[in-house]
Structure formats: C-alpha cells, structure tokens
Amino acid sequence: MWWEEGFQTVELPYDGNELAMVILLLDAGRFEEFENSLDARRVEEILRGLTYGRLP
C-alpha cells in the first residue's frame, strides 16, 4: 500500500504473483488534480513507494 495526501494505492496480486492490479483510491473531489499530475514518472514513484503486507 501507499498513502499520500489525496489518495491511497493498493496492489492486488494475481496468478501466483505473476500479474497484479494496481488500484488508486482517490479522496472525494481530487480526481482532476490527480489526473493533471499523473505522468510516467509519477506512476513509477507511486509503484516504487508501495510497501507489501497483508491487509486487515
């Protein structure tokens, strides 16, 4: 998971960790701001910041 002001990110593994789905959970009213800041560098930063563990 990754937490940052305005959004959270979770990665869900599939197929024995061969694939994964990354979900970005934005705070209400933050979509346009987040969309405008999203580029390849930002995606890489988010993915590198993920920490792994079990969700409660």
N, C-alpha and C. Protein backbone atom coordinates (compact mmCIF):
# COMPACT_ATOMS: atom_id res chain seq x y z
N MET A 1 0.84 -1.19 0.00
CA MET A 1 0.00 0.00 0.00
C MET A 1 0.88 1.24 0.00
N TRP A 2 0.30 2.30 -0.46
CA TRP A 2 0.97 3.60 -0.48
C TRP A 2 -0.07 4.62 -0.10
N TRP A 3 0.24 5.46 0.87
CA TRP A 3 -0.66 6.54 1.27
C TRP A 3 0.01 7.85 0.97
N GLU A 4 -0.74 8.76 0.48
CA GLU A 4 -0.27 10.12 0.25
C GLU A 4 -1.49 11.02 0.36
N GLU A 5 -1.28 12.27 0.69
CA GLU A 5 -2.42 13.17 0.80
C GLU A 5 -3.21 13.16 -0.51
N GLY A 6 -4.47 12.84 -0.42
CA GLY A 6 -5.33 12.85 -1.59
C GLY A 6 -5.63 11.49 -2.19
N PHE A 7 -4.82 10.47 -1.87
CA PHE A 7 -5.11 9.16 -2.43
C PHE A 7 -4.36 8.05 -1.70
N GLN A 8 -4.83 6.82 -1.94
CA GLN A 8 -4.18 5.60 -1.46
C GLN A 8 -4.02 4.68 -2.67
N THR A 9 -3.04 3.82 -2.59
CA THR A 9 -2.81 2.86 -3.67
C THR A 9 -2.69 1.47 -3.07
N VAL A 10 -3.28 0.50 -3.72
CA VAL A 10 -3.14 -0.89 -3.29
C VAL A 10 -2.86 -1.74 -4.54
N GLU A 11 -1.98 -2.72 -4.38
CA GLU A 11 -1.66 -3.65 -5.46
C GLU A 11 -2.18 -5.02 -5.07
N LEU A 12 -2.99 -5.62 -5.94
CA LEU A 12 -3.58 -6.93 -5.69
C LEU A 12 -2.93 -7.96 -6.61
N PRO A 13 -2.25 -8.96 -6.03
CA PRO A 13 -1.58 -9.97 -6.86
C PRO A 13 -2.58 -10.95 -7.47
N TYR A 14 -2.21 -11.47 -8.62
CA TYR A 14 -3.00 -12.47 -9.33
C TYR A 14 -2.07 -13.58 -9.80
N ASP A 15 -2.65 -14.73 -10.05
CA ASP A 15 -1.96 -15.83 -10.72
C ASP A 15 -0.60 -16.12 -10.10
N GLY A 16 -0.58 -16.32 -8.78
CA GLY A 16 0.67 -16.67 -8.11
C GLY A 16 1.71 -15.57 -8.19
N ASN A 17 1.29 -14.33 -8.13
CA ASN A 17 2.17 -13.16 -8.19
C ASN A 17 2.79 -12.93 -9.56
N GLU A 18 2.27 -13.59 -10.60
CA GLU A 18 2.76 -13.34 -11.95
C GLU A 18 2.21 -12.03 -12.51
N LEU A 19 1.03 -11.65 -12.06
CA LEU A 19 0.36 -10.43 -12.50
C LEU A 19 -0.14 -9.68 -11.28
N ALA A 20 -0.42 -8.41 -11.45
CA ALA A 20 -1.00 -7.63 -10.36
C ALA A 20 -1.88 -6.52 -10.92
N MET A 21 -2.87 -6.14 -10.14
CA MET A 21 -3.72 -5.00 -10.47
C MET A 21 -3.43 -3.91 -9.44
N VAL A 22 -3.16 -2.70 -9.90
CA VAL A 22 -2.91 -1.58 -9.02
C VAL A 22 -4.15 -0.69 -9.03
N ILE A 23 -4.68 -0.42 -7.84
CA ILE A 23 -5.88 0.40 -7.70
C ILE A 23 -5.50 1.69 -6.98
N LEU A 24 -5.88 2.82 -7.57
CA LEU A 24 -5.68 4.13 -6.96
C LEU A 24 -7.01 4.58 -6.39
N LEU A 25 -7.05 4.81 -5.08
CA LEU A 25 -8.27 5.24 -4.40
C LEU A 25 -8.14 6.71 -4.06
N LEU A 26 -8.81 7.55 -4.82
CA LEU A 26 -8.69 8.99 -4.64
C LEU A 26 -9.69 9.50 -3.62
N ASP A 27 -9.28 10.51 -2.86
CA ASP A 27 -10.21 11.19 -1.97
C ASP A 27 -11.27 11.90 -2.81
N ALA A 28 -12.44 12.08 -2.25
CA ALA A 28 -13.53 12.75 -2.96
C ALA A 28 -13.10 14.13 -3.43
N GLY A 29 -13.43 14.44 -4.68
CA GLY A 29 -13.15 15.75 -5.23
C GLY A 29 -11.72 15.98 -5.69
N ARG A 30 -10.89 14.93 -5.74
CA ARG A 30 -9.48 15.10 -6.08
C ARG A 30 -9.10 14.56 -7.45
N PHE A 31 -10.08 14.04 -8.22
CA PHE A 31 -9.74 13.38 -9.47
C PHE A 31 -9.02 14.29 -10.45
N GLU A 32 -9.55 15.46 -10.72
CA GLU A 32 -8.95 16.34 -11.72
C GLU A 32 -7.53 16.74 -11.33
N GLU A 33 -7.33 17.09 -10.08
CA GLU A 33 -5.99 17.45 -9.60
C GLU A 33 -5.01 16.29 -9.78
N PHE A 34 -5.46 15.08 -9.39
CA PHE A 34 -4.61 13.91 -9.52
C PHE A 34 -4.33 13.60 -10.98
N GLU A 35 -5.36 13.64 -11.80
CA GLU A 35 -5.20 13.35 -13.24
C GLU A 35 -4.18 14.29 -13.87
N ASN A 36 -4.23 15.56 -13.52
CA ASN A 36 -3.30 16.54 -14.09
C ASN A 36 -1.86 16.30 -13.65
N SER A 37 -1.65 15.65 -12.52
CA SER A 37 -0.29 15.40 -12.02
C SER A 37 0.26 14.05 -12.47
N LEU A 38 -0.57 13.24 -13.13
CA LEU A 38 -0.18 11.87 -13.45
C LEU A 38 0.59 11.80 -14.77
N ASP A 39 1.81 11.31 -14.69
CA ASP A 39 2.63 11.03 -15.86
C ASP A 39 3.46 9.79 -15.54
N ALA A 40 4.28 9.34 -16.47
CA ALA A 40 5.06 8.11 -16.28
C ALA A 40 5.95 8.19 -15.05
N ARG A 41 6.58 9.33 -14.83
CA ARG A 41 7.46 9.49 -13.67
C ARG A 41 6.67 9.36 -12.36
N ARG A 42 5.49 9.93 -12.33
CA ARG A 42 4.64 9.87 -11.14
C ARG A 42 4.18 8.45 -10.87
N VAL A 43 3.80 7.71 -11.92
CA VAL A 43 3.40 6.32 -11.77
C VAL A 43 4.56 5.50 -11.21
N GLU A 44 5.75 5.68 -11.73
CA GLU A 44 6.93 4.97 -11.23
C GLU A 44 7.16 5.28 -9.75
N GLU A 45 7.01 6.54 -9.38
CA GLU A 45 7.20 6.94 -7.98
C GLU A 45 6.19 6.23 -7.07
N ILE A 46 4.95 6.18 -7.50
CA ILE A 46 3.91 5.51 -6.71
C ILE A 46 4.22 4.03 -6.58
N LEU A 47 4.57 3.37 -7.67
CA LEU A 47 4.85 1.94 -7.64
C LEU A 47 6.08 1.62 -6.80
N ARG A 48 7.11 2.45 -6.86
CA ARG A 48 8.31 2.23 -6.02
C ARG A 48 8.00 2.41 -4.55
N GLY A 49 7.02 3.24 -4.23
CA GLY A 49 6.68 3.52 -2.85
C GLY A 49 5.80 2.48 -2.19
N LEU A 50 5.29 1.52 -2.97
CA LEU A 50 4.42 0.50 -2.39
C LEU A 50 5.17 -0.32 -1.35
N THR A 51 4.51 -0.58 -0.24
CA THR A 51 5.04 -1.50 0.76
C THR A 51 4.13 -2.72 0.76
N TYR A 52 4.67 -3.85 1.11
CA TYR A 52 3.93 -5.09 0.99
C TYR A 52 3.59 -5.65 2.35
N GLY A 53 2.40 -6.19 2.45
CA GLY A 53 1.92 -6.81 3.67
C GLY A 53 0.47 -7.24 3.48
N ARG A 54 -0.08 -7.85 4.48
CA ARG A 54 -1.47 -8.30 4.41
C ARG A 54 -2.39 -7.18 4.86
N LEU A 55 -3.48 -7.02 4.16
CA LEU A 55 -4.49 -6.05 4.55
C LEU A 55 -5.39 -6.67 5.60
N PRO A 56 -5.83 -5.87 6.57
CA PRO A 56 -6.71 -6.41 7.62
C PRO A 56 -8.07 -6.79 7.07
